[in-house]
């Protein structure tokens, strides 16, 4: 879980999350899940936040059933597909969610 101050401290990143979610045309539930995952797993280092944001969007969409490809999420955020691929499962588990069993 995250603190209210985490939202304030990461307001710029949350705005970027919304811009990327708009590009992906994500539904409200997927956006909300992505936001929660991001705030629950946000790293201290600024250089890691963009990758965390992308993986959070992927996880949020996946959990909400509003799935998008790793490539489309990576393109919307401006990171590599490999970054999303390498981080989404860790974020899913860190947020207390179970990875899909496909």
Foldseek 3Di string as FASTA:
>chain_A
DADPVLCVVCVVVLVLLVQLCVQVVDDPQLNVQLVLLLRLDPDPDPVCSLLSSLLSSQLSCVVVVNHDQLCSSCVSSVHHSVSNVVPNCVSCVSSVHDDDDD
